[in-house]
Amino acid sequence: RQYLAAAFAVPANRARAEAVFAELAA
């Protein structure tokens, strides 16, 4: 849980996660 929270907090990872979410939604 702590590891994932830290990983998602990295700005590049956060931007990538948001981009992937949008792609999968489409």
mmCIF file of all heavy atoms, coordinates in Angstrom:
data_MODEL
# 
_entry.id   MODEL 
# 
loop_
_atom_site.group_PDB 
_atom_site.id 
_atom_site.type_symbol 
_atom_site.label_atom_id 
_atom_site.label_alt_id 
_atom_site.label_comp_id 
_atom_site.label_asym_id 
_atom_site.label_entity_id 
_atom_site.label_seq_id 
_atom_site.pdbx_PDB_ins_code 
_atom_site.Cartn_x 
_atom_site.Cartn_y 
_atom_site.Cartn_z 
_atom_site.occupancy 
_atom_site.B_iso_or_equiv 
_atom_site.pdbx_formal_charge 
_atom_site.auth_seq_id 
_atom_site.auth_comp_id 
_atom_site.auth_asym_id 
_atom_site.auth_atom_id 
_atom_site.pdbx_PDB_model_num 
ATOM 1   N N   . ARG A 1 1  ? 0.827   -1.200 0.000   1.00 0.00 ? 1  ARG A N   1 
ATOM 2   C CA  . ARG A 1 1  ? 0.000   0.000  0.000   1.00 0.00 ? 1  ARG A CA  1 
ATOM 3   C C   . ARG A 1 1  ? 0.868   1.260  0.000   1.00 0.00 ? 1  ARG A C   1 
ATOM 4   O O   . ARG A 1 1  ? 0.650   2.195  -0.773  1.00 0.00 ? 1  ARG A O   1 
ATOM 5   C CB  . ARG A 1 1  ? -0.946  -0.008 1.204   1.00 0.00 ? 1  ARG A CB  1 
ATOM 6   C CG  . ARG A 1 1  ? -1.922  1.168  1.237   1.00 0.00 ? 1  ARG A CG  1 
ATOM 7   C CD  . ARG A 1 1  ? -2.749  1.123  2.503   1.00 0.00 ? 1  ARG A CD  1 
ATOM 8   N NE  . ARG A 1 1  ? -3.556  -0.094 2.561   1.00 0.00 ? 1  ARG A NE  1 
ATOM 9   C CZ  . ARG A 1 1  ? -4.765  -0.213 1.983   1.00 0.00 ? 1  ARG A CZ  1 
ATOM 10  N NH1 . ARG A 1 1  ? -5.287  0.787  1.316   1.00 0.00 ? 1  ARG A NH1 1 
ATOM 11  N NH2 . ARG A 1 1  ? -5.431  -1.342 2.091   1.00 0.00 ? 1  ARG A NH2 1 
ATOM 12  N N   . GLN A 1 2  ? 1.876   1.261  0.884   1.00 0.00 ? 2  GLN A N   1 
ATOM 13  C CA  . GLN A 1 2  ? 2.771   2.419  0.958   1.00 0.00 ? 2  GLN A CA  1 
ATOM 14  C C   . GLN A 1 2  ? 3.575   2.563  -0.338  1.00 0.00 ? 2  GLN A C   1 
ATOM 15  O O   . GLN A 1 2  ? 3.789   3.672  -0.841  1.00 0.00 ? 2  GLN A O   1 
ATOM 16  C CB  . GLN A 1 2  ? 3.702   2.257  2.162   1.00 0.00 ? 2  GLN A CB  1 
ATOM 17  C CG  . GLN A 1 2  ? 4.899   3.207  2.183   1.00 0.00 ? 2  GLN A CG  1 
ATOM 18  C CD  . GLN A 1 2  ? 6.131   2.588  1.526   1.00 0.00 ? 2  GLN A CD  1 
ATOM 19  O OE1 . GLN A 1 2  ? 6.279   1.364  1.498   1.00 0.00 ? 2  GLN A OE1 1 
ATOM 20  N NE2 . GLN A 1 2  ? 6.993   3.431  0.970   1.00 0.00 ? 2  GLN A NE2 1 
ATOM 21  N N   . TYR A 1 3  ? 4.009   1.440  -0.898  1.00 0.00 ? 3  TYR A N   1 
ATOM 22  C CA  . TYR A 1 3  ? 4.820   1.473  -2.118  1.00 0.00 ? 3  TYR A CA  1 
ATOM 23  C C   . TYR A 1 3  ? 4.026   2.061  -3.282  1.00 0.00 ? 3  TYR A C   1 
ATOM 24  O O   . TYR A 1 3  ? 4.528   2.917  -4.030  1.00 0.00 ? 3  TYR A O   1 
ATOM 25  C CB  . TYR A 1 3  ? 5.295   0.060  -2.446  1.00 0.00 ? 3  TYR A CB  1 
ATOM 26  C CG  . TYR A 1 3  ? 6.051   -0.037 -3.754  1.00 0.00 ? 3  TYR A CG  1 
ATOM 27  C CD1 . TYR A 1 3  ? 7.393   0.306  -3.833  1.00 0.00 ? 3  TYR A CD1 1 
ATOM 28  C CD2 . TYR A 1 3  ? 5.397   -0.467 -4.912  1.00 0.00 ? 3  TYR A CD2 1 
ATOM 29  C CE1 . TYR A 1 3  ? 8.089   0.222  -5.034  1.00 0.00 ? 3  TYR A CE1 1 
ATOM 30  C CE2 . TYR A 1 3  ? 6.080   -0.550 -6.116  1.00 0.00 ? 3  TYR A CE2 1 
ATOM 31  C CZ  . TYR A 1 3  ? 7.419   -0.206 -6.175  1.00 0.00 ? 3  TYR A CZ  1 
ATOM 32  O OH  . TYR A 1 3  ? 8.096   -0.279 -7.364  1.00 0.00 ? 3  TYR A OH  1 
ATOM 33  N N   . LEU A 1 4  ? 2.774   1.628  -3.447  1.00 0.00 ? 4  LEU A N   1 
ATOM 34  C CA  . LEU A 1 4  ? 1.950   2.141  -4.538  1.00 0.00 ? 4  LEU A CA  1 
ATOM 35  C C   . LEU A 1 4  ? 1.657   3.627  -4.361  1.00 0.00 ? 4  LEU A C   1 
ATOM 36  O O   . LEU A 1 4  ? 1.687   4.404  -5.329  1.00 0.00 ? 4  LEU A O   1 
ATOM 37  C CB  . LEU A 1 4  ? 0.641   1.356  -4.627  1.00 0.00 ? 4  LEU A CB  1 
ATOM 38  C CG  . LEU A 1 4  ? 0.748   -0.058 -5.199  1.00 0.00 ? 4  LEU A CG  1 
ATOM 39  C CD1 . LEU A 1 4  ? -0.608  -0.759 -5.127  1.00 0.00 ? 4  LEU A CD1 1 
ATOM 40  C CD2 . LEU A 1 4  ? 1.246   -0.024 -6.636  1.00 0.00 ? 4  LEU A CD2 1 
ATOM 41  N N   . ALA A 1 5  ? 1.375   4.036  -3.135  1.00 0.00 ? 5  ALA A N   1 
ATOM 42  C CA  . ALA A 1 5  ? 1.108   5.453  -2.887  1.00 0.00 ? 5  ALA A CA  1 
ATOM 43  C C   . ALA A 1 5  ? 2.317   6.298  -3.281  1.00 0.00 ? 5  ALA A C   1 
ATOM 44  O O   . ALA A 1 5  ? 2.185   7.366  -3.886  1.00 0.00 ? 5  ALA A O   1 
ATOM 45  C CB  . ALA A 1 5  ? 0.751   5.664  -1.421  1.00 0.00 ? 5  ALA A CB  1 
ATOM 46  N N   . ALA A 1 6  ? 3.520   5.812  -2.936  1.00 0.00 ? 6  ALA A N   1 
ATOM 47  C CA  . ALA A 1 6  ? 4.733   6.544  -3.281  1.00 0.00 ? 6  ALA A CA  1 
ATOM 48  C C   . ALA A 1 6  ? 4.956   6.565  -4.784  1.00 0.00 ? 6  ALA A C   1 
ATOM 49  O O   . ALA A 1 6  ? 5.348   7.588  -5.364  1.00 0.00 ? 6  ALA A O   1 
ATOM 50  C CB  . ALA A 1 6  ? 5.934   5.912  -2.575  1.00 0.00 ? 6  ALA A CB  1 
ATOM 51  N N   . ALA A 1 7  ? 4.694   5.436  -5.441  1.00 0.00 ? 7  ALA A N   1 
ATOM 52  C CA  . ALA A 1 7  ? 4.889   5.359  -6.890  1.00 0.00 ? 7  ALA A CA  1 
ATOM 53  C C   . ALA A 1 7  ? 3.944   6.306  -7.623  1.00 0.00 ? 7  ALA A C   1 
ATOM 54  O O   . ALA A 1 7  ? 4.337   7.020  -8.552  1.00 0.00 ? 7  ALA A O   1 
ATOM 55  C CB  . ALA A 1 7  ? 4.679   3.919  -7.357  1.00 0.00 ? 7  ALA A CB  1 
ATOM 56  N N   . PHE A 1 8  ? 2.677   6.323  -7.220  1.00 0.00 ? 8  PHE A N   1 
ATOM 57  C CA  . PHE A 1 8  ? 1.703   7.197  -7.873  1.00 0.00 ? 8  PHE A CA  1 
ATOM 58  C C   . PHE A 1 8  ? 1.980   8.672  -7.571  1.00 0.00 ? 8  PHE A C   1 
ATOM 59  O O   . PHE A 1 8  ? 1.517   9.555  -8.290  1.00 0.00 ? 8  PHE A O   1 
ATOM 60  C CB  . PHE A 1 8  ? 0.282   6.840  -7.437  1.00 0.00 ? 8  PHE A CB  1 
ATOM 61  C CG  . PHE A 1 8  ? -0.339  5.736  -8.245  1.00 0.00 ? 8  PHE A CG  1 
ATOM 62  C CD1 . PHE A 1 8  ? -0.433  4.448  -7.716  1.00 0.00 ? 8  PHE A CD1 1 
ATOM 63  C CD2 . PHE A 1 8  ? -0.833  5.963  -9.513  1.00 0.00 ? 8  PHE A CD2 1 
ATOM 64  C CE1 . PHE A 1 8  ? -1.005  3.425  -8.457  1.00 0.00 ? 8  PHE A CE1 1 
ATOM 65  C CE2 . PHE A 1 8  ? -1.407  4.943  -10.256 1.00 0.00 ? 8  PHE A CE2 1 
ATOM 66  C CZ  . PHE A 1 8  ? -1.491  3.665  -9.730  1.00 0.00 ? 8  PHE A CZ  1 
ATOM 67  N N   . ALA A 1 9  ? 2.719   8.964  -6.503  1.00 0.00 ? 9  ALA A N   1 
ATOM 68  C CA  . ALA A 1 9  ? 3.020   10.351 -6.155  1.00 0.00 ? 9  ALA A CA  1 
ATOM 69  C C   . ALA A 1 9  ? 4.109   10.951 -7.031  1.00 0.00 ? 9  ALA A C   1 
ATOM 70  O O   . ALA A 1 9  ? 4.252   12.177 -7.088  1.00 0.00 ? 9  ALA A O   1 
ATOM 71  C CB  . ALA A 1 9  ? 3.434   10.440 -4.686  1.00 0.00 ? 9  ALA A CB  1 
ATOM 72  N N   . VAL A 1 10 ? 4.877   10.111 -7.732  1.00 0.00 ? 10 VAL A N   1 
ATOM 73  C CA  . VAL A 1 10 ? 5.907   10.615 -8.650  1.00 0.00 ? 10 VAL A CA  1 
ATOM 74  C C   . VAL A 1 10 ? 5.204   11.308 -9.815  1.00 0.00 ? 10 VAL A C   1 
ATOM 75  O O   . VAL A 1 10 ? 4.358   10.696 -10.479 1.00 0.00 ? 10 VAL A O   1 
ATOM 76  C CB  . VAL A 1 10 ? 6.789   9.464  -9.156  1.00 0.00 ? 10 VAL A CB  1 
ATOM 77  C CG1 . VAL A 1 10 ? 7.790   9.967  -10.197 1.00 0.00 ? 10 VAL A CG1 1 
ATOM 78  C CG2 . VAL A 1 10 ? 7.506   8.799  -7.992  1.00 0.00 ? 10 VAL A CG2 1 
ATOM 79  N N   . PRO A 1 11 ? 5.505   12.570 -10.097 1.00 0.00 ? 11 PRO A N   1 
ATOM 80  C CA  . PRO A 1 11 ? 4.771   13.317 -11.135 1.00 0.00 ? 11 PRO A CA  1 
ATOM 81  C C   . PRO A 1 11 ? 4.701   12.605 -12.483 1.00 0.00 ? 11 PRO A C   1 
ATOM 82  O O   . PRO A 1 11 ? 3.637   12.595 -13.123 1.00 0.00 ? 11 PRO A O   1 
ATOM 83  C CB  . PRO A 1 11 ? 5.554   14.637 -11.224 1.00 0.00 ? 11 PRO A CB  1 
ATOM 84  C CG  . PRO A 1 11 ? 6.110   14.823 -9.846  1.00 0.00 ? 11 PRO A CG  1 
ATOM 85  C CD  . PRO A 1 11 ? 6.473   13.446 -9.382  1.00 0.00 ? 11 PRO A CD  1 
ATOM 86  N N   . ALA A 1 12 ? 5.798   12.006 -12.932 1.00 0.00 ? 12 ALA A N   1 
ATOM 87  C CA  . ALA A 1 12 ? 5.770   11.318 -14.229 1.00 0.00 ? 12 ALA A CA  1 
ATOM 88  C C   . ALA A 1 12 ? 4.817   10.125 -14.193 1.00 0.00 ? 12 ALA A C   1 
ATOM 89  O O   . ALA A 1 12 ? 4.097   9.861  -15.168 1.00 0.00 ? 12 ALA A O   1 
ATOM 90  C CB  . ALA A 1 12 ? 7.176   10.862 -14.603 1.00 0.00 ? 12 ALA A CB  1 
ATOM 91  N N   . ASN A 1 13 ? 4.817   9.406  -13.090 1.00 0.00 ? 13 ASN A N   1 
ATOM 92  C CA  . ASN A 1 13 ? 3.909   8.267  -12.958 1.00 0.00 ? 13 ASN A CA  1 
ATOM 93  C C   . ASN A 1 13 ? 2.459   8.730  -12.904 1.00 0.00 ? 13 ASN A C   1 
ATOM 94  O O   . ASN A 1 13 ? 1.560   8.092  -13.474 1.00 0.00 ? 13 ASN A O   1 
ATOM 95  C CB  . ASN A 1 13 ? 4.235   7.470  -11.698 1.00 0.00 ? 13 ASN A CB  1 
ATOM 96  C CG  . ASN A 1 13 ? 5.564   6.746  -11.816 1.00 0.00 ? 13 ASN A CG  1 
ATOM 97  O OD1 . ASN A 1 13 ? 6.113   6.628  -12.908 1.00 0.00 ? 13 ASN A OD1 1 
ATOM 98  N ND2 . ASN A 1 13 ? 6.089   6.282  -10.688 1.00 0.00 ? 13 ASN A ND2 1 
ATOM 99  N N   . ARG A 1 14 ? 2.223   9.825  -12.187 1.00 0.00 ? 14 ARG A N   1 
ATOM 100 C CA  . ARG A 1 14 ? 0.862   10.353 -12.077 1.00 0.00 ? 14 ARG A CA  1 
ATOM 101 C C   . ARG A 1 14 ? 0.344   10.762 -13.450 1.00 0.00 ? 14 ARG A C   1 
ATOM 102 O O   . ARG A 1 14 ? -0.783  10.449 -13.825 1.00 0.00 ? 14 ARG A O   1 
ATOM 103 C CB  . ARG A 1 14 ? 0.874   11.554 -11.109 1.00 0.00 ? 14 ARG A CB  1 
ATOM 104 C CG  . ARG A 1 14 ? -0.332  12.467 -11.090 1.00 0.00 ? 14 ARG A CG  1 
ATOM 105 C CD  . ARG A 1 14 ? -1.666  11.778 -10.971 1.00 0.00 ? 14 ARG A CD  1 
ATOM 106 N NE  . ARG A 1 14 ? -1.666  10.744 -9.956  1.00 0.00 ? 14 ARG A NE  1 
ATOM 107 C CZ  . ARG A 1 14 ? -2.391  9.644  -10.039 1.00 0.00 ? 14 ARG A CZ  1 
ATOM 108 N NH1 . ARG A 1 14 ? -3.160  9.421  -11.106 1.00 0.00 ? 14 ARG A NH1 1 
ATOM 109 N NH2 . ARG A 1 14 ? -2.361  8.753  -9.072  1.00 0.00 ? 14 ARG A NH2 1 
ATOM 110 N N   . ALA A 1 15 ? 1.171   11.443 -14.245 1.00 0.00 ? 15 ALA A N   1 
ATOM 111 C CA  . ALA A 1 15 ? 0.758   11.858 -15.590 1.00 0.00 ? 15 ALA A CA  1 
ATOM 112 C C   . ALA A 1 15 ? 0.486   10.640 -16.465 1.00 0.00 ? 15 ALA A C   1 
ATOM 113 O O   . ALA A 1 15 ? -0.496  10.611 -17.235 1.00 0.00 ? 15 ALA A O   1 
ATOM 114 C CB  . ALA A 1 15 ? 1.830   12.743 -16.221 1.00 0.00 ? 15 ALA A CB  1 
ATOM 115 N N   . ARG A 1 16 ? 1.343   9.625  -16.345 1.00 0.00 ? 16 ARG A N   1 
ATOM 116 C CA  . ARG A 1 16 ? 1.160   8.411  -17.140 1.00 0.00 ? 16 ARG A CA  1 
ATOM 117 C C   . ARG A 1 16 ? -0.127  7.685  -16.739 1.00 0.00 ? 16 ARG A C   1 
ATOM 118 O O   . ARG A 1 16 ? -0.866  7.204  -17.590 1.00 0.00 ? 16 ARG A O   1 
ATOM 119 C CB  . ARG A 1 16 ? 2.371   7.489  -16.946 1.00 0.00 ? 16 ARG A CB  1 
ATOM 120 C CG  . ARG A 1 16 ? 2.272   6.152  -17.654 1.00 0.00 ? 16 ARG A CG  1 
ATOM 121 C CD  . ARG A 1 16 ? 2.218   6.309  -19.151 1.00 0.00 ? 16 ARG A CD  1 
ATOM 122 N NE  . ARG A 1 16 ? 2.199   5.003  -19.804 1.00 0.00 ? 16 ARG A NE  1 
ATOM 123 C CZ  . ARG A 1 16 ? 1.629   4.777  -20.980 1.00 0.00 ? 16 ARG A CZ  1 
ATOM 124 N NH1 . ARG A 1 16 ? 1.041   5.766  -21.626 1.00 0.00 ? 16 ARG A NH1 1 
ATOM 125 N NH2 . ARG A 1 16 ? 1.654   3.586  -21.519 1.00 0.00 ? 16 ARG A NH2 1 
ATOM 126 N N   . ALA A 1 17 ? -0.390  7.609  -15.442 1.00 0.00 ? 17 ALA A N   1 
ATOM 127 C CA  . ALA A 1 17 ? -1.602  6.938  -14.968 1.00 0.00 ? 17 ALA A CA  1 
ATOM 128 C C   . ALA A 1 17 ? -2.851  7.626  -15.503 1.00 0.00 ? 17 ALA A C   1 
ATOM 129 O O   . ALA A 1 17 ? -3.810  6.966  -15.935 1.00 0.00 ? 17 ALA A O   1 
ATOM 130 C CB  . ALA A 1 17 ? -1.628  6.914  -13.438 1.00 0.00 ? 17 ALA A CB  1 
ATOM 131 N N   . GLU A 1 18 ? -2.859  8.938  -15.504 1.00 0.00 ? 18 GLU A N   1 
ATOM 132 C CA  . GLU A 1 18 ? -4.021  9.676  -16.003 1.00 0.00 ? 18 GLU A CA  1 
ATOM 133 C C   . GLU A 1 18 ? -4.191  9.472  -17.506 1.00 0.00 ? 18 GLU A C   1 
ATOM 134 O O   . GLU A 1 18 ? -5.316  9.344  -17.998 1.00 0.00 ? 18 GLU A O   1 
ATOM 135 C CB  . GLU A 1 18 ? -3.886  11.153 -15.659 1.00 0.00 ? 18 GLU A CB  1 
ATOM 136 C CG  . GLU A 1 18 ? -3.994  11.419 -14.160 1.00 0.00 ? 18 GLU A CG  1 
ATOM 137 C CD  . GLU A 1 18 ? -3.768  12.868 -13.787 1.00 0.00 ? 18 GLU A CD  1 
ATOM 138 O OE1 . GLU A 1 18 ? -3.481  13.689 -14.698 1.00 0.00 ? 18 GLU A OE1 1 
ATOM 139 O OE2 . GLU A 1 18 ? -3.870  13.191 -12.580 1.00 0.00 ? 18 GLU A OE2 1 
ATOM 140 N N   . ALA A 1 19 ? -3.061  9.431  -18.236 1.00 0.00 ? 19 ALA A N   1 
ATOM 141 C CA  . ALA A 1 19 ? -3.135  9.206  -19.679 1.00 0.00 ? 19 ALA A CA  1 
ATOM 142 C C   . ALA A 1 19 ? -3.646  7.806  -19.997 1.00 0.00 ? 19 ALA A C   1 
ATOM 143 O O   . ALA A 1 19 ? -4.483  7.616  -20.887 1.00 0.00 ? 19 ALA A O   1 
ATOM 144 C CB  . ALA A 1 19 ? -1.762  9.425  -20.316 1.00 0.00 ? 19 ALA A CB  1 
ATOM 145 N N   . VAL A 1 20 ? -3.176  6.816  -19.251 1.00 0.00 ? 20 VAL A N   1 
ATOM 146 C CA  . VAL A 1 20 ? -3.622  5.434  -19.480 1.00 0.00 ? 20 VAL A CA  1 
ATOM 147 C C   . VAL A 1 20 ? -5.107  5.300  -19.145 1.00 0.00 ? 20 VAL A C   1 
ATOM 148 O O   . VAL A 1 20 ? -5.860  4.640  -19.886 1.00 0.00 ? 20 VAL A O   1 
ATOM 149 C CB  . VAL A 1 20 ? -2.776  4.445  -18.652 1.00 0.00 ? 20 VAL A CB  1 
ATOM 150 C CG1 . VAL A 1 20 ? -3.391  3.046  -18.703 1.00 0.00 ? 20 VAL A CG1 1 
ATOM 151 C CG2 . VAL A 1 20 ? -1.350  4.404  -19.178 1.00 0.00 ? 20 VAL A CG2 1 
ATOM 152 N N   . PHE A 1 21 ? -5.529  5.904  -18.050 1.00 0.00 ? 21 PHE A N   1 
ATOM 153 C CA  . PHE A 1 21 ? -6.953  5.843  -17.705 1.00 0.00 ? 21 PHE A CA  1 
ATOM 154 C C   . PHE A 1 21 ? -7.811  6.396  -18.831 1.00 0.00 ? 21 PHE A C   1 
ATOM 155 O O   . PHE A 1 21 ? -8.825  5.800  -19.214 1.00 0.00 ? 21 PHE A O   1 
ATOM 156 C CB  . PHE A 1 21 ? -7.222  6.622  -16.423 1.00 0.00 ? 21 PHE A CB  1 
ATOM 157 C CG  . PHE A 1 21 ? -8.681  6.837  -16.135 1.00 0.00 ? 21 PHE A CG  1 
ATOM 158 C CD1 . PHE A 1 21 ? -9.487  5.777  -15.737 1.00 0.00 ? 21 PHE A CD1 1 
ATOM 159 C CD2 . PHE A 1 21 ? -9.265  8.085  -16.299 1.00 0.00 ? 21 PHE A CD2 1 
ATOM 160 C CE1 . PHE A 1 21 ? -10.840 5.957  -15.499 1.00 0.00 ? 21 PHE A CE1 1 
ATOM 161 C CE2 . PHE A 1 21 ? -10.618 8.280  -16.053 1.00 0.00 ? 21 PHE A CE2 1 
ATOM 162 C CZ  . PHE A 1 21 ? -11.408 7.211  -15.659 1.00 0.00 ? 21 PHE A CZ  1 
ATOM 163 N N   . ALA A 1 22 ? -7.411  7.531  -19.401 1.00 0.00 ? 22 ALA A N   1 
ATOM 164 C CA  . ALA A 1 22 ? -8.188  8.136  -20.482 1.00 0.00 ? 22 ALA A CA  1 
ATOM 165 C C   . ALA A 1 22 ? -8.206  7.237  -21.712 1.00 0.00 ? 22 ALA A C   1 
ATOM 166 O O   . ALA A 1 22 ? -9.244  7.081  -22.373 1.00 0.00 ? 22 ALA A O   1 
ATOM 167 C CB  . ALA A 1 22 ? -7.620  9.508  -20.832 1.00 0.00 ? 22 ALA A CB  1 
ATOM 168 N N   . GLU A 1 23 ? -7.062  6.611  -22.027 1.00 0.00 ? 23 GLU A N   1 
ATOM 169 C CA  . GLU A 1 23 ? -6.990  5.711  -23.179 1.00 0.00 ? 23 GLU A CA  1 
ATOM 170 C C   . GLU A 1 23 ? -7.894  4.496  -22.992 1.00 0.00 ? 23 GLU A C   1 
ATOM 171 O O   . GLU A 1 23 ? -8.601  4.064  -23.923 1.00 0.00 ? 23 GLU A O   1 
ATOM 172 C CB  . GLU A 1 23 ? -5.547  5.261  -23.396 1.00 0.00 ? 23 GLU A CB  1 
ATOM 173 C CG  . GLU A 1 23 ? -4.627  6.361  -23.896 1.00 0.00 ? 23 GLU A CG  1 
ATOM 174 C CD  . GLU A 1 23 ? -3.173  5.924  -23.918 1.00 0.00 ? 23 GLU A CD  1 
ATOM 175 O OE1 . GLU A 1 23 ? -2.917  4.717  -23.669 1.00 0.00 ? 23 GLU A OE1 1 
ATOM 176 O OE2 . GLU A 1 23 ? -2.305  6.767  -24.169 1.00 0.00 ? 23 GLU A OE2 1 
ATOM 177 N N   . LEU A 1 24 ? -7.876  3.929  -21.796 1.00 0.00 ? 24 LEU A N   1 
ATOM 178 C CA  . LEU A 1 24 ? -8.691  2.746  -21.537 1.00 0.00 ? 24 LEU A CA  1 
ATOM 179 C C   . LEU A 1 24 ? -10.176 3.103  -21.512 1.00 0.00 ? 24 LEU A C   1 
ATOM 180 O O   . LEU A 1 24 ? -11.018 2.313  -21.961 1.00 0.00 ? 24 LEU A O   1 
ATOM 181 C CB  . LEU A 1 24 ? -8.277  2.098  -20.222 1.00 0.00 ? 24 LEU A CB  1 
ATOM 182 C CG  . LEU A 1 24 ? -6.852  1.545  -20.168 1.00 0.00 ? 24 LEU A CG  1 
ATOM 183 C CD1 . LEU A 1 24 ? -6.588  0.880  -18.831 1.00 0.00 ? 24 LEU A CD1 1 
ATOM 184 C CD2 . LEU A 1 24 ? -6.587  0.587  -21.318 1.00 0.00 ? 24 LEU A CD2 1 
ATOM 185 N N   . ALA A 1 25 ? -10.504 4.281  -21.003 1.00 0.00 ? 25 ALA A N   1 
ATOM 186 C CA  . ALA A 1 25 ? -11.900 4.724  -21.028 1.00 0.00 ? 25 ALA A CA  1 
ATOM 187 C C   . ALA A 1 25 ? -12.389 4.836  -22.462 1.00 0.00 ? 25 ALA A C   1 
ATOM 188 O O   . ALA A 1 25 ? -13.511 4.417  -22.798 1.00 0.00 ? 25 ALA A O   1 
ATOM 189 C CB  . ALA A 1 25 ? -12.041 6.053  -20.301 1.00 0.00 ? 25 ALA A CB  1 
ATOM 190 N N   . ALA A 1 26 ? -11.542 5.375  -23.350 1.00 0.00 ? 26 ALA A N   1 
ATOM 191 C CA  . ALA A 1 26 ? -11.911 5.488  -24.758 1.00 0.00 ? 26 ALA A CA  1 
ATOM 192 C C   . ALA A 1 26 ? -12.053 4.107  -25.396 1.00 0.00 ? 26 ALA A C   1 
ATOM 193 O O   . ALA A 1 26 ? -12.959 3.873  -26.211 1.00 0.00 ? 26 ALA A O   1 
ATOM 194 C CB  . ALA A 1 26 ? -10.868 6.308  -25.502 1.00 0.00 ? 26 ALA A CB  1 
# 
